[in-house]
């Protein structure tokens, strides 16, 4: 039973990390494809009642978000840091053209 709870918490936490990363560090006016990533997460959240926990543990379940998963975990602890956000924002604003989520994740 504890294993099931842990898997469920891990899944929820992954969604929280990704959602937080996209919303905080990927402004839609600069990051051209962020809406697609947010929409995919929203779609996955809407399916929670219709999928099994085992399906969420599949290696391909978050395949669309694979490039942003590691960075989303690493920067989550800085979400409330205005200084970190300002530095991050300055780097994104310095890009002349729009960028994509994959570039932000690097």
N, C-alpha and C. Protein backbone atom coordinates (compact mmCIF):
# COMPACT_ATOMS: atom_id res chain seq x y z
N UNK A 1 0.82 -1.19 0.00
CA UNK A 1 0.00 0.00 0.00
C UNK A 1 0.87 1.26 0.00
N UNK A 2 1.93 1.25 0.79
CA UNK A 2 2.82 2.41 0.85
C UNK A 2 3.46 2.67 -0.51
N UNK A 3 3.79 1.62 -1.22
CA UNK A 3 4.38 1.75 -2.54
C UNK A 3 3.43 2.47 -3.50
N UNK A 4 2.17 2.18 -3.41
CA UNK A 4 1.17 2.83 -4.27
C UNK A 4 1.08 4.31 -3.94
N UNK A 5 1.05 4.63 -2.67
CA UNK A 5 1.00 6.04 -2.27
C UNK A 5 2.24 6.80 -2.75
N UNK A 6 3.38 6.16 -2.62
CA UNK A 6 4.63 6.79 -3.03
C UNK A 6 4.64 7.05 -4.53
N UNK A 7 4.19 6.08 -5.30
CA UNK A 7 4.12 6.26 -6.76
C UNK A 7 3.16 7.38 -7.12
N UNK A 8 2.04 7.43 -6.45
CA UNK A 8 1.06 8.48 -6.70
C UNK A 8 1.65 9.85 -6.37
N UNK A 9 2.32 9.96 -5.23
CA UNK A 9 2.95 11.23 -4.84
C UNK A 9 4.03 11.63 -5.84
N UNK A 10 4.82 10.66 -6.28
CA UNK A 10 5.86 10.95 -7.27
C UNK A 10 5.26 11.49 -8.56
N UNK A 11 4.17 10.86 -8.97
CA UNK A 11 3.50 11.31 -10.19
C UNK A 11 2.96 12.74 -10.02
N UNK A 12 2.28 13.00 -8.94
CA UNK A 12 1.76 14.35 -8.68
C UNK A 12 2.89 15.37 -8.61
N UNK A 13 3.98 15.00 -7.98
CA UNK A 13 5.11 15.91 -7.84
C UNK A 13 5.74 16.21 -9.20
N UNK A 14 5.86 15.22 -10.04
CA UNK A 14 6.40 15.44 -11.38
C UNK A 14 5.54 16.42 -12.15
N UNK A 15 4.24 16.25 -12.08
CA UNK A 15 3.32 17.18 -12.75
C UNK A 15 3.48 18.59 -12.18
N UNK A 16 3.59 18.70 -10.87
CA UNK A 16 3.77 20.00 -10.22
C UNK A 16 5.08 20.66 -10.66
N UNK A 17 6.16 19.91 -10.70
CA UNK A 17 7.45 20.45 -11.14
C UNK A 17 7.36 20.98 -12.57
N UNK A 18 6.81 20.16 -13.45
CA UNK A 18 6.71 20.55 -14.85
C UNK A 18 5.80 21.77 -15.02
N UNK A 19 4.64 21.73 -14.40
CA UNK A 19 3.70 22.84 -14.51
C UNK A 19 4.33 24.14 -13.99
N UNK A 20 4.99 24.05 -12.88
CA UNK A 20 5.64 25.21 -12.29
C UNK A 20 6.73 25.76 -13.21
N UNK A 21 7.52 24.88 -13.78
CA UNK A 21 8.59 25.29 -14.70
C UNK A 21 8.02 26.02 -15.91
N UNK A 22 7.01 25.44 -16.53
CA UNK A 22 6.44 26.06 -17.73
C UNK A 22 5.80 27.41 -17.40
N UNK A 23 5.09 27.48 -16.31
CA UNK A 23 4.38 28.72 -15.97
C UNK A 23 5.34 29.82 -15.52
N UNK A 24 6.37 29.47 -14.78
CA UNK A 24 7.26 30.48 -14.20
C UNK A 24 8.40 30.87 -15.13
N UNK A 25 8.98 29.91 -15.82
CA UNK A 25 10.22 30.17 -16.55
C UNK A 25 10.10 30.13 -18.07
N UNK A 26 8.91 29.94 -18.59
CA UNK A 26 8.72 29.88 -20.04
C UNK A 26 7.61 30.85 -20.46
N UNK A 27 7.91 32.15 -20.48
CA UNK A 27 6.87 33.12 -20.86
C UNK A 27 6.40 32.87 -22.29
N UNK A 28 5.11 32.83 -22.47
CA UNK A 28 4.55 32.46 -23.77
C UNK A 28 4.86 33.47 -24.88
N UNK A 29 5.22 34.69 -24.51
CA UNK A 29 5.58 35.66 -25.55
C UNK A 29 6.99 35.41 -26.09
N UNK A 30 7.80 34.65 -25.39
CA UNK A 30 9.16 34.33 -25.83
C UNK A 30 9.35 32.86 -26.17
N UNK A 31 8.68 31.99 -25.45
CA UNK A 31 8.84 30.55 -25.64
C UNK A 31 7.68 30.06 -26.50
N UNK A 32 7.99 29.86 -27.76
CA UNK A 32 6.96 29.66 -28.77
C UNK A 32 6.08 28.43 -28.56
N UNK A 33 6.64 27.35 -28.05
CA UNK A 33 5.88 26.11 -27.97
C UNK A 33 5.41 25.76 -26.56
N UNK A 34 5.53 26.67 -25.62
CA UNK A 34 5.18 26.35 -24.23
C UNK A 34 3.69 26.01 -24.08
N UNK A 35 2.85 26.61 -24.89
CA UNK A 35 1.41 26.31 -24.79
C UNK A 35 1.13 24.84 -25.10
N UNK A 36 1.90 24.26 -26.01
CA UNK A 36 1.74 22.83 -26.33
C UNK A 36 2.08 21.96 -25.12
N UNK A 37 3.14 22.33 -24.42
CA UNK A 37 3.57 21.57 -23.24
C UNK A 37 2.53 21.70 -22.11
N UNK A 38 2.05 22.91 -21.91
CA UNK A 38 1.04 23.13 -20.87
C UNK A 38 -0.24 22.39 -21.22
N UNK A 39 -0.62 22.42 -22.49
CA UNK A 39 -1.82 21.71 -22.92
C UNK A 39 -1.68 20.21 -22.72
N UNK A 40 -0.51 19.66 -23.01
CA UNK A 40 -0.30 18.24 -22.81
C UNK A 40 -0.43 17.87 -21.33
N UNK A 41 0.14 18.70 -20.45
CA UNK A 41 -0.01 18.45 -19.01
C UNK A 41 -1.46 18.54 -18.57
N UNK A 42 -2.17 19.52 -19.08
CA UNK A 42 -3.60 19.68 -18.76
C UNK A 42 -4.38 18.45 -19.22
N UNK A 43 -4.09 17.99 -20.42
CA UNK A 43 -4.76 16.79 -20.94
C UNK A 43 -4.48 15.59 -20.05
N UNK A 44 -3.23 15.45 -19.61
CA UNK A 44 -2.89 14.33 -18.74
C UNK A 44 -3.62 14.44 -17.40
N UNK A 45 -3.71 15.65 -16.86
CA UNK A 45 -4.44 15.83 -15.59
C UNK A 45 -5.91 15.46 -15.75
N UNK A 46 -6.49 15.82 -16.88
CA UNK A 46 -7.90 15.52 -17.13
C UNK A 46 -8.16 14.02 -17.29
N UNK A 47 -7.13 13.27 -17.60
CA UNK A 47 -7.27 11.82 -17.78
C UNK A 47 -7.01 11.02 -16.51
N UNK A 48 -6.62 11.67 -15.43
CA UNK A 48 -6.26 10.96 -14.20
C UNK A 48 -7.32 9.99 -13.74
N UNK A 49 -8.57 10.32 -13.92
CA UNK A 49 -9.64 9.42 -13.48
C UNK A 49 -9.82 8.22 -14.40
N UNK A 50 -9.16 8.25 -15.56
CA UNK A 50 -9.39 7.21 -16.57
C UNK A 50 -8.16 6.36 -16.85
N UNK A 51 -7.08 6.59 -16.14
CA UNK A 51 -5.87 5.78 -16.36
C UNK A 51 -5.44 5.13 -15.06
N UNK A 52 -4.66 4.10 -15.20
CA UNK A 52 -4.18 3.39 -14.00
C UNK A 52 -2.84 3.97 -13.56
N UNK A 53 -2.51 3.71 -12.33
CA UNK A 53 -1.23 4.15 -11.79
C UNK A 53 -0.09 3.49 -12.56
N UNK A 54 -0.28 2.26 -12.97
CA UNK A 54 0.75 1.56 -13.75
C UNK A 54 1.03 2.27 -15.06
N UNK A 55 -0.01 2.79 -15.70
CA UNK A 55 0.19 3.52 -16.95
C UNK A 55 1.03 4.77 -16.73
N UNK A 56 0.86 5.42 -15.60
CA UNK A 56 1.63 6.64 -15.33
C UNK A 56 3.10 6.32 -15.04
N UNK A 57 3.39 5.07 -14.73
CA UNK A 57 4.77 4.66 -14.45
C UNK A 57 5.52 4.25 -15.71
N UNK A 58 4.83 4.20 -16.82
CA UNK A 58 5.46 3.84 -18.09
C UNK A 58 6.55 4.84 -18.44
N UNK A 59 7.69 4.38 -18.97
CA UNK A 59 8.77 5.29 -19.34
C UNK A 59 8.35 6.33 -20.38
N UNK A 60 7.33 6.01 -21.16
CA UNK A 60 6.89 6.93 -22.21
C UNK A 60 5.78 7.87 -21.76
N UNK A 61 5.32 7.74 -20.54
CA UNK A 61 4.19 8.55 -20.09
C UNK A 61 4.50 10.05 -20.17
N UNK A 62 5.68 10.45 -19.76
CA UNK A 62 6.08 11.86 -19.83
C UNK A 62 7.08 12.10 -20.96
N UNK A 63 7.04 11.29 -22.00
CA UNK A 63 8.01 11.39 -23.09
C UNK A 63 8.04 12.79 -23.70
N UNK A 64 6.90 13.41 -23.86
CA UNK A 64 6.83 14.75 -24.45
C UNK A 64 7.59 15.76 -23.60
N UNK A 65 7.70 15.51 -22.32
CA UNK A 65 8.31 16.45 -21.38
C UNK A 65 9.71 16.03 -20.95
N UNK A 66 10.24 15.02 -21.56
CA UNK A 66 11.52 14.45 -21.14
C UNK A 66 12.63 15.50 -21.06
N UNK A 67 12.71 16.41 -22.03
CA UNK A 67 13.80 17.39 -22.04
C UNK A 67 13.68 18.40 -20.91
N UNK A 68 12.50 18.62 -20.39
CA UNK A 68 12.34 19.62 -19.33
C UNK A 68 12.19 19.02 -17.93
N UNK A 69 12.17 17.72 -17.82
CA UNK A 69 11.94 17.11 -16.51
C UNK A 69 13.07 17.39 -15.52
N UNK A 70 14.31 17.20 -15.94
CA UNK A 70 15.43 17.39 -15.01
C UNK A 70 15.53 18.84 -14.55
N UNK A 71 15.44 19.77 -15.48
CA UNK A 71 15.56 21.19 -15.10
C UNK A 71 14.38 21.61 -14.24
N UNK A 72 13.20 21.07 -14.50
CA UNK A 72 12.04 21.45 -13.70
C UNK A 72 12.22 21.05 -12.24
N UNK A 73 12.86 19.92 -12.01
CA UNK A 73 13.14 19.48 -10.64
C UNK A 73 14.20 20.38 -10.01
N UNK A 74 15.24 20.69 -10.78
CA UNK A 74 16.35 21.48 -10.23
C UNK A 74 15.96 22.91 -9.89
N UNK A 75 15.09 23.53 -10.68
CA UNK A 75 14.75 24.94 -10.42
C UNK A 75 13.53 25.11 -9.52
N UNK A 76 12.84 24.04 -9.23
CA UNK A 76 11.62 24.14 -8.41
C UNK A 76 11.89 24.82 -7.07
N UNK A 77 13.01 24.50 -6.46
CA UNK A 77 13.33 25.08 -5.15
C UNK A 77 13.59 26.58 -5.21
N UNK A 78 13.79 27.11 -6.41
CA UNK A 78 14.04 28.55 -6.58
C UNK A 78 12.79 29.32 -7.00
N UNK A 79 11.66 28.68 -7.04
CA UNK A 79 10.44 29.34 -7.53
C UNK A 79 10.10 30.63 -6.79
N UNK A 80 10.42 30.69 -5.53
CA UNK A 80 10.09 31.88 -4.74
C UNK A 80 11.24 32.89 -4.71
N UNK A 81 12.34 32.57 -5.36
CA UNK A 81 13.49 33.47 -5.38
C UNK A 81 13.36 34.47 -6.52
N UNK A 82 13.13 35.71 -6.17
CA UNK A 82 13.00 36.76 -7.18
C UNK A 82 14.33 36.99 -7.89
N UNK A 83 15.43 36.87 -7.17
CA UNK A 83 16.76 37.06 -7.76
C UNK A 83 17.01 36.02 -8.85
N UNK A 84 16.75 34.75 -8.54
CA UNK A 84 16.94 33.70 -9.52
C UNK A 84 16.04 33.94 -10.73
N UNK A 85 14.81 34.30 -10.47
CA UNK A 85 13.87 34.56 -11.56
C UNK A 85 14.36 35.71 -12.44
N UNK A 86 14.86 36.78 -11.83
CA UNK A 86 15.34 37.93 -12.60
C UNK A 86 16.50 37.55 -13.51
N UNK A 87 17.44 36.78 -13.00
CA UNK A 87 18.57 36.34 -13.81
C UNK A 87 18.07 35.48 -14.96
N UNK A 88 17.20 34.55 -14.66
CA UNK A 88 16.63 33.67 -15.68
C UNK A 88 15.87 34.49 -16.73
N UNK A 89 15.06 35.41 -16.27
CA UNK A 89 14.26 36.25 -17.16
C UNK A 89 15.14 37.10 -18.06
N UNK A 90 16.21 37.66 -17.52
CA UNK A 90 17.13 38.47 -18.32
C UNK A 90 17.75 37.65 -19.45
N UNK A 91 18.08 36.42 -19.17
CA UNK A 91 18.67 35.57 -20.21
C UNK A 91 17.66 35.26 -21.30
N UNK A 92 16.42 35.04 -20.91
CA UNK A 92 15.39 34.74 -21.92
C UNK A 92 15.07 36.00 -22.73
N UNK A 93 14.96 37.13 -22.07
CA UNK A 93 14.64 38.38 -22.76
C UNK A 93 15.76 38.79 -23.71
N UNK A 94 16.98 38.35 -23.44
CA UNK A 94 18.12 38.68 -24.30
C UNK A 94 18.05 37.97 -25.64
N UNK A 95 17.29 36.89 -25.70
CA UNK A 95 17.18 36.19 -26.98
C UNK A 95 16.33 37.03 -27.92
N UNK A 96 16.85 37.24 -29.10
CA UNK A 96 16.21 38.13 -30.07
C UNK A 96 14.93 37.51 -30.62
N UNK A 97 15.03 36.28 -31.05
CA UNK A 97 13.87 35.58 -31.60
C UNK A 97 13.24 34.72 -30.52
N UNK A 98 12.06 34.23 -30.82
CA UNK A 98 11.42 33.30 -29.89
C UNK A 98 12.23 32.03 -29.77
N UNK A 99 12.16 31.41 -28.64
CA UNK A 99 12.88 30.16 -28.41
C UNK A 99 11.87 29.08 -28.07
N UNK A 100 12.34 27.86 -27.94
CA UNK A 100 11.42 26.79 -27.57
C UNK A 100 11.76 26.24 -26.19
N UNK A 101 10.88 25.42 -25.67
CA UNK A 101 11.04 24.88 -24.31
C UNK A 101 12.35 24.12 -24.19
N UNK A 102 12.72 23.40 -25.23
CA UNK A 102 13.96 22.63 -25.19
C UNK A 102 15.16 23.55 -24.95
N UNK A 103 15.19 24.72 -25.59
CA UNK A 103 16.29 25.67 -25.39
C UNK A 103 16.29 26.21 -23.97
N UNK A 104 15.13 26.50 -23.42
CA UNK A 104 15.04 27.00 -22.05
C UNK A 104 15.55 25.94 -21.09
N UNK A 105 15.22 24.69 -21.35
CA UNK A 105 15.61 23.59 -20.47
C UNK A 105 17.12 23.37 -20.47
N UNK A 106 17.80 23.83 -21.49
CA UNK A 106 19.25 23.65 -21.55
C UNK A 106 19.87 24.71 -20.70
